[in-house]
Protein backbone atom coordinates (compact mmCIF):
# COMPACT_ATOMS: atom_id res chain seq x y z
CA MET A 1 25.64 4.76 11.05
CA LYS A 2 27.81 2.92 13.57
CA ARG A 3 29.38 -0.31 12.74
CA LYS A 4 27.82 -2.18 15.62
CA ASN A 5 24.39 -1.16 14.08
CA VAL A 6 25.47 -2.38 10.71
CA ASN A 7 26.44 -5.75 12.05
CA ILE A 8 23.27 -6.11 13.87
CA ILE A 9 21.27 -5.34 10.64
CA PHE A 10 23.44 -7.70 8.82
CA LYS A 11 22.88 -10.71 11.24
CA SER A 12 19.27 -9.97 11.44
CA GLY A 13 19.06 -10.31 7.59
CA VAL A 14 21.08 -13.47 7.37
CA LYS A 15 18.91 -15.12 10.03
CA LEU A 16 15.81 -14.13 8.21
CA PHE A 17 17.26 -15.50 5.02
CA ILE A 18 18.23 -18.84 6.68
CA LEU A 19 14.68 -19.22 8.05
CA LEU A 20 13.29 -18.68 4.84
CA LEU A 21 15.45 -21.34 3.31
CA LEU A 22 14.59 -23.76 6.06
CA LEU A 23 10.98 -23.26 5.54
CA LEU A 24 11.09 -23.87 1.90
CA SER A 25 13.14 -27.10 2.27
CA SER A 26 10.74 -28.48 4.99
CA PRO A 27 9.07 -31.59 3.93
CA VAL A 28 5.70 -30.41 5.39
CA ILE A 29 5.53 -27.54 2.79
CA ALA A 30 3.57 -29.33 0.10
CA GLN A 31 3.38 -26.31 -2.48
CA PRO A 32 5.64 -23.49 -1.47
CA GLU A 33 6.20 -20.51 -3.63
CA LEU A 34 9.21 -18.02 -3.18
CA THR A 35 8.66 -14.52 -4.88
CA GLY A 36 9.94 -11.10 -4.25
CA PHE A 37 10.80 -7.87 -5.56
CA PHE A 38 13.24 -4.83 -4.97
CA ASP A 39 13.66 -1.25 -6.52
CA VAL A 40 16.53 1.06 -6.82
CA LEU A 41 15.71 4.80 -6.67
CA SER A 42 17.52 7.85 -7.80
CA VAL A 43 16.20 10.96 -6.35
CA HIS A 44 16.64 14.51 -7.64
CA ASN A 45 16.04 17.83 -6.15
CA ASN A 46 15.58 16.44 -2.56
CA PRO A 47 13.71 18.59 0.16
CA ASP A 48 17.01 18.92 2.20
CA ASN A 49 18.60 20.71 -0.90
CA SER A 50 20.95 17.89 -1.64
CA ALA A 51 21.29 17.50 -5.56
CA HIS A 52 21.00 13.75 -5.79
CA ARG A 53 21.08 10.28 -3.91
CA PHE A 54 20.62 6.62 -4.78
CA MET A 55 18.68 4.40 -2.33
CA ILE A 56 17.13 0.98 -2.09
CA ASN A 57 13.43 2.07 -1.82
CA GLN A 58 11.90 -1.46 -1.13
CA PHE A 59 13.09 -4.85 -0.97
CA GLU A 60 10.77 -7.79 -0.17
CA LEU A 61 10.83 -11.65 0.06
CA ASP A 62 7.42 -13.59 -0.07
CA ILE A 63 6.84 -17.14 0.89
CA SER A 64 3.40 -18.72 0.36
CA TYR A 65 1.97 -22.16 0.88
CA ALA A 66 -1.09 -23.45 -0.67
CA HIS A 67 -3.10 -26.56 0.69
CA LYS A 68 -5.24 -28.76 -1.58
CA THR A 69 -8.45 -27.07 -0.86
CA HIS A 70 -9.15 -24.45 1.98
CA PHE A 71 -6.02 -23.42 3.48
CA SER A 72 -3.04 -21.11 2.42
CA VAL A 73 -0.42 -19.13 4.36
CA GLY A 74 1.33 -15.97 3.31
CA THR A 75 4.54 -14.51 4.87
CA ALA A 76 6.94 -11.58 3.83
CA VAL A 77 9.86 -9.74 5.10
CA ALA A 78 10.62 -6.38 3.74
CA TYR A 79 13.41 -3.75 4.08
CA ASN A 80 12.62 -0.63 5.90
CA ASN A 81 14.61 2.15 4.11
CA GLU A 82 14.08 4.56 7.15
CA THR A 83 15.63 2.11 9.71
CA GLU A 84 17.84 0.26 7.21
CA ASN A 85 16.62 -3.21 8.63
CA MET A 86 14.47 -6.07 7.68
CA GLU A 87 11.18 -6.53 9.35
CA LEU A 88 8.12 -8.93 9.33
CA ALA A 89 5.81 -7.52 6.69
CA MET A 90 3.10 -10.00 6.60
CA ALA A 91 2.33 -13.38 8.23
CA PHE A 92 -1.21 -14.57 7.84
CA VAL A 93 -3.35 -17.74 7.47
CA HIS A 94 -6.25 -17.62 4.79
CA TYR A 95 -8.86 -20.26 5.48
CA SER A 96 -11.56 -20.43 2.63
CA PHE A 97 -15.05 -22.00 3.18
CA ASP A 98 -15.12 -22.89 -0.49
CA GLY A 99 -13.56 -25.99 -1.80
CA GLY A 100 -11.42 -26.15 -4.95
CA PRO A 101 -7.68 -26.16 -5.84
CA GLY A 102 -5.31 -24.48 -3.43
CA LYS A 103 -4.45 -20.94 -4.48
CA HIS A 104 -1.36 -19.02 -3.36
CA PRO A 105 -2.33 -15.84 -1.42
CA ARG A 106 -2.35 -12.65 -3.55
CA ARG A 107 -2.50 -8.80 -2.64
CA GLU A 108 -5.93 -8.88 -4.76
CA GLU A 109 -8.26 -11.83 -4.75
CA THR A 110 -10.27 -11.94 -7.76
CA TYR A 111 -12.13 -15.23 -7.33
CA ASP A 112 -15.65 -15.77 -5.71
CA HIS A 113 -15.22 -17.30 -2.15
CA SER A 114 -15.74 -16.52 1.55
CA ALA A 115 -12.68 -16.69 3.88
CA PHE A 116 -11.09 -15.64 7.09
CA LEU A 117 -7.71 -13.94 7.09
CA ILE A 118 -5.95 -13.93 10.45
CA GLY A 119 -2.42 -12.58 11.29
CA LYS A 120 -0.44 -9.52 10.03
CA PHE A 121 -1.62 -8.27 6.61
CA ASP A 122 -2.13 -5.04 4.43
CA MET A 123 -5.47 -3.45 5.56
CA PRO A 124 -8.11 -3.67 2.53
CA PHE A 125 -9.01 -0.06 3.06
CA GLY A 126 -9.89 1.73 -0.11
CA LEU A 127 -7.78 1.12 -3.17
CA ASP A 128 -4.24 1.99 -2.50
CA TYR A 129 -3.33 -1.10 -0.42
CA LEU A 130 -3.25 -2.97 -3.67
CA SER A 131 -0.31 -0.69 -4.64
CA TYR A 132 1.85 -0.61 -1.48
CA ALA A 133 4.53 -2.66 -3.37
CA SER A 134 6.48 -0.82 -5.80
CA VAL A 135 5.98 -3.83 -8.22
CA ASP A 136 2.29 -3.20 -8.19
CA ARG A 137 2.22 0.73 -8.51
CA PRO A 138 2.57 2.40 -11.85
CA THR A 139 4.11 5.59 -10.22
CA VAL A 140 7.03 5.85 -7.86
CA THR A 141 5.18 7.86 -5.06
CA GLN A 142 2.00 7.22 -3.31
CA PRO A 143 -1.13 9.55 -3.68
CA LEU A 144 -0.73 12.66 -1.35
CA VAL A 145 -3.84 11.94 0.59
CA ILE A 146 -2.75 8.32 1.35
CA GLU A 147 0.60 9.52 2.26
CA LYS A 148 -0.88 12.14 4.93
CA THR A 149 -3.49 9.64 6.20
CA ILE A 150 -3.35 5.85 6.36
CA ALA A 151 0.14 5.74 4.57
CA GLY A 152 0.88 1.97 4.19
CA TRP A 153 -1.53 0.69 6.66
CA ASN A 154 -0.48 -2.91 7.93
CA ASP A 155 -2.06 -4.37 10.92
CA VAL A 156 -2.62 -7.51 13.00
CA GLY A 157 -5.97 -8.98 13.65
CA ILE A 158 -8.83 -10.97 11.71
CA ASP A 159 -10.62 -10.08 8.45
CA PHE A 160 -13.59 -11.87 7.20
CA HIS A 161 -14.55 -11.39 3.43
CA THR A 162 -16.66 -12.67 0.87
CA PHE A 163 -16.71 -12.20 -2.84
CA SER A 164 -19.57 -13.02 -5.16
CA GLY A 165 -19.98 -11.91 -8.50
CA ASN A 166 -20.20 -8.11 -8.58
CA PHE A 167 -20.22 -7.94 -4.87
CA LYS A 168 -17.31 -7.69 -2.25
CA PHE A 169 -17.36 -7.45 1.32
CA ASP A 170 -14.75 -7.22 4.14
CA VAL A 171 -15.18 -6.79 7.79
CA TRP A 172 -12.24 -6.69 10.24
CA ALA A 173 -11.09 -6.37 13.82
CA VAL A 174 -7.47 -5.34 14.11
CA ASN A 175 -5.31 -3.35 16.61
CA GLY A 176 -5.87 -0.14 14.94
CA PHE A 177 -4.18 3.17 15.63
CA SER A 178 -5.03 3.55 19.30
CA GLU A 179 -5.86 1.48 22.29
CA GLY A 180 -8.68 -0.86 22.16
CA VAL A 181 -9.62 -2.63 18.91
CA GLY A 182 -10.01 -1.26 15.24
CA LEU A 183 -13.44 -2.18 13.95
CA GLY A 184 -14.33 -1.59 10.28
CA GLY A 185 -15.14 -2.90 6.86
CA ASN A 186 -15.27 -2.31 3.00
CA VAL A 187 -17.85 -2.83 0.60
CA ARG A 188 -17.44 -2.84 -3.21
CA TYR A 189 -19.78 -3.28 -6.02
CA THR A 190 -19.30 -3.55 -9.74
CA PHE A 191 -22.23 -1.78 -11.31
CA PHE A 192 -20.99 -2.23 -14.97
CA PRO A 193 -18.10 -4.26 -16.39
CA PHE A 194 -16.14 -1.02 -16.58
CA LEU A 195 -17.25 0.71 -13.14
CA GLU A 196 -16.75 -0.13 -9.62
CA VAL A 197 -17.44 1.85 -6.48
CA GLY A 198 -16.29 1.10 -2.81
CA VAL A 199 -17.07 2.50 0.66
CA SER A 200 -14.58 1.95 3.44
CA HIS A 201 -14.83 2.85 7.29
CA SER A 202 -12.94 2.03 10.47
CA SER A 203 -13.01 3.23 13.99
CA ASP A 204 -10.83 2.61 17.04
CA ILE A 205 -13.05 1.48 19.92
CA VAL A 206 -11.51 2.02 23.34
CA ASP A 207 -14.40 0.73 25.28
CA PHE A 208 -18.23 0.49 24.58
CA GLU A 209 -18.79 4.29 25.30
CA LYS A 210 -15.65 5.72 23.60
CA ARG A 211 -14.60 5.92 20.01
CA GLU A 212 -10.82 7.28 19.78
CA ASP A 213 -10.02 7.59 15.96
CA TRP A 214 -12.09 7.13 12.99
CA LEU A 215 -11.52 6.78 9.13
CA ASN A 216 -13.86 7.17 6.19
CA GLY A 217 -13.15 6.50 2.46
CA VAL A 218 -14.99 6.37 -1.02
CA ASP A 219 -13.34 5.38 -4.14
CA LEU A 220 -14.10 4.64 -7.79
CA VAL A 221 -12.35 2.63 -10.66
CA LEU A 222 -13.35 3.22 -14.16
CA THR A 223 -11.65 0.73 -16.78
CA THR A 224 -11.77 0.85 -20.44
CA GLU A 225 -9.92 -0.80 -23.21
CA ILE A 226 -7.34 2.16 -23.41
CA PHE A 227 -7.05 3.58 -19.92
CA GLN A 228 -7.84 3.32 -16.23
CA PHE A 229 -9.36 6.02 -14.09
CA LYS A 230 -9.34 5.88 -10.26
CA SER A 231 -9.93 8.09 -7.34
CA GLU A 232 -10.15 8.01 -3.75
CA TYR A 233 -11.55 10.50 -1.09
CA LEU A 234 -10.72 10.08 2.53
CA TRP A 235 -11.46 11.97 5.68
CA MET A 236 -10.63 11.04 9.15
CA ASN A 237 -9.85 12.06 12.77
CA GLY A 238 -7.05 11.02 15.07
CA VAL A 239 -4.65 9.38 12.19
CA TYR A 240 -1.97 11.16 10.55
CA GLU A 241 0.65 9.63 8.18
CA GLY A 242 0.00 6.16 9.28
CA GLU A 243 0.24 6.55 12.93
CA GLN A 244 -2.20 7.97 15.72
CA ASP A 245 -2.34 11.65 15.60
CA THR A 246 -1.53 12.63 19.47
CA LEU A 247 -0.82 16.35 18.32
CA ALA A 248 -3.88 17.46 16.59
CA THR A 249 -6.70 16.49 19.20
CA ASN A 250 -10.20 16.48 17.67
CA SER A 251 -9.20 17.90 14.31
CA ASN A 252 -10.37 16.41 10.96
CA HIS A 253 -8.40 16.19 7.78
CA HIS A 254 -9.26 15.15 4.30
CA GLY A 255 -8.07 14.78 0.91
CA VAL A 256 -8.72 13.33 -2.66
CA TYR A 257 -6.77 12.20 -5.75
CA PHE A 258 -7.60 11.55 -9.53
CA GLN A 259 -5.41 9.01 -11.40
CA LEU A 260 -5.45 8.36 -15.09
CA PHE A 261 -3.23 5.46 -16.24
CA THR A 262 -2.89 4.23 -19.82
CA GLU A 263 -0.98 1.77 -21.79
CA LEU A 264 1.03 3.39 -24.77
CA GLU A 265 2.18 0.13 -26.58
CA LYS A 266 -0.96 0.32 -28.88
CA TRP A 267 0.19 3.81 -30.35
CA THR A 268 3.97 3.47 -30.03
CA SER A 269 4.64 -0.07 -30.44
CA LEU A 270 6.83 0.17 -27.29
CA PRO A 271 5.93 -1.50 -24.04
CA MET A 272 5.32 1.82 -22.16
CA CYS A 273 2.75 3.23 -19.84
CA LEU A 274 1.77 6.74 -18.72
CA THR A 275 0.31 8.04 -15.43
CA PHE A 276 -1.09 11.23 -14.57
CA ARG A 277 -2.19 12.15 -11.07
CA TYR A 278 -3.48 15.18 -9.11
CA GLY A 279 -3.94 15.07 -5.13
CA ALA A 280 -5.00 17.51 -2.57
CA TRP A 281 -4.96 17.27 1.22
CA ASP A 282 -6.48 19.79 3.71
CA SER A 283 -6.55 19.92 7.58
CA GLU A 284 -8.31 21.79 10.20
CA PHE A 285 -4.89 21.98 12.15
CA ASP A 286 -2.04 24.31 12.10
CA ARG A 287 1.06 22.11 12.64
CA ASN A 288 3.58 24.66 11.74
CA GLU A 289 1.89 27.55 13.60
CA ASP A 290 2.12 29.93 10.49
CA GLY A 291 -1.55 31.18 11.11
CA THR A 292 -2.99 28.94 8.22
CA ASP A 293 -4.55 25.40 8.67
CA ASP A 294 -2.26 22.94 6.91
CA GLY A 295 -2.84 21.92 3.30
CA GLN A 296 -0.98 20.74 0.26
CA ASP A 297 -1.47 19.80 -3.35
CA ARG A 298 0.57 17.50 -5.83
CA TYR A 299 0.95 16.99 -9.51
CA THR A 300 2.46 13.79 -10.60
CA VAL A 301 3.35 12.42 -14.05
CA ALA A 302 5.13 9.10 -14.38
CA LEU A 303 6.55 7.28 -17.51
CA GLY A 304 7.31 3.45 -17.36
CA TYR A 305 9.19 1.14 -19.64
CA ARG A 306 8.98 -2.69 -19.35
CA LEU A 307 12.36 -4.10 -20.40
CA ASN A 308 10.89 -7.69 -19.84
CA GLU A 309 8.29 -9.36 -17.81
CA ASN A 310 10.14 -8.74 -14.53
CA ILE A 311 12.25 -5.61 -15.04
CA SER A 312 10.77 -2.05 -15.50
CA ILE A 313 12.27 1.48 -15.54
CA ARG A 314 10.08 4.36 -14.37
CA ALA A 315 10.64 8.18 -14.48
CA GLU A 316 8.50 10.48 -12.49
CA ALA A 317 8.27 14.26 -11.98
CA VAL A 318 6.47 15.69 -8.98
CA SER A 319 5.43 19.05 -8.10
CA ASN A 320 4.18 19.82 -4.54
CA LYS A 321 2.91 23.05 -3.00
CA ILE A 322 2.39 23.41 0.66
CA TYR A 323 -0.08 26.28 1.54
CA ASN A 324 1.70 29.48 1.92
CA GLY A 325 4.94 27.87 0.55
CA ASP A 326 6.72 27.76 -2.62
CA ARG A 327 6.09 24.91 -5.34
CA GLU A 328 8.71 22.39 -4.87
CA ASN A 329 9.67 20.06 -7.76
CA LEU A 330 11.09 16.58 -7.57
CA GLY A 331 12.56 14.01 -9.99
CA PHE A 332 12.66 10.08 -9.56
CA LEU A 333 14.28 7.37 -11.68
CA GLN A 334 13.47 3.71 -10.60
CA LEU A 335 14.61 0.40 -11.65
CA MET A 336 12.10 -2.15 -10.35
CA VAL A 337 12.87 -5.91 -10.40
CA GLY A 338 10.50 -8.86 -9.59
CA PHE A 339 11.15 -12.32 -9.31
């Protein structure tokens, strides 16, 4: 990287940090809260045939403000490890129609209420948006189907949601992946204390007579005293790896994952957790022009150890196989720190 680019990145980061400090010290912020996290990643057997490398995977600073009753604000700046720059990750207003004590916004809202969310936020499509942050994910990597479809879908717009008992409902209007507006929603219902099922859909509407892209998803979470099982099946058209798919016109692709997570402390007396996941993805399009439509499967095993409430170490083994290709094995070591 050129020194000029490094200086620009450094100055941008300093300006963002100074802005955060000013916001925190402002007298109009009644109940500010500063949180954040970062993780350091060690990658082994990379696809580019290098033996090993260290990297900062994620770094995020969050500032939230909760008013006495209806009003809260969430903001975040995050490190992009591809551009090596800091970016605005979230900036939203949450207005609740239900009174009560002010609550700092969280990725997952667990209390009954109805509210508008306006600004830039992670899209509540399916389940994986709750695990975009490394501090919230029991594994190092995303499920394969999420990586190949919506990735880390973060958008600007408005979301209305209502949570009441076993029922959760979201509806949104956002920029989407194409021109026009992305319209969609998510419905969730808890059938039993241990079983929750959800359905999601979103379409990019260019005009009243034209739909450009569409996304569908169904998901399931099964939770018991000793383990959690979750699965998502997604199928879509026009969206690939978190962006509009301009190459594969009118081709659909779909995939699924099955994930089993369990805490091991009950059996080992150590603060450890274990995750198994299988994922598969298939497309109607041949991107590499090898005569076979694209497809891939992935096995993932991850072991985590909590050093304390805010620091964890994770080790993960991943086995990928692209159709008509050789199986590729990757290893990850991760130090995750929350504050």
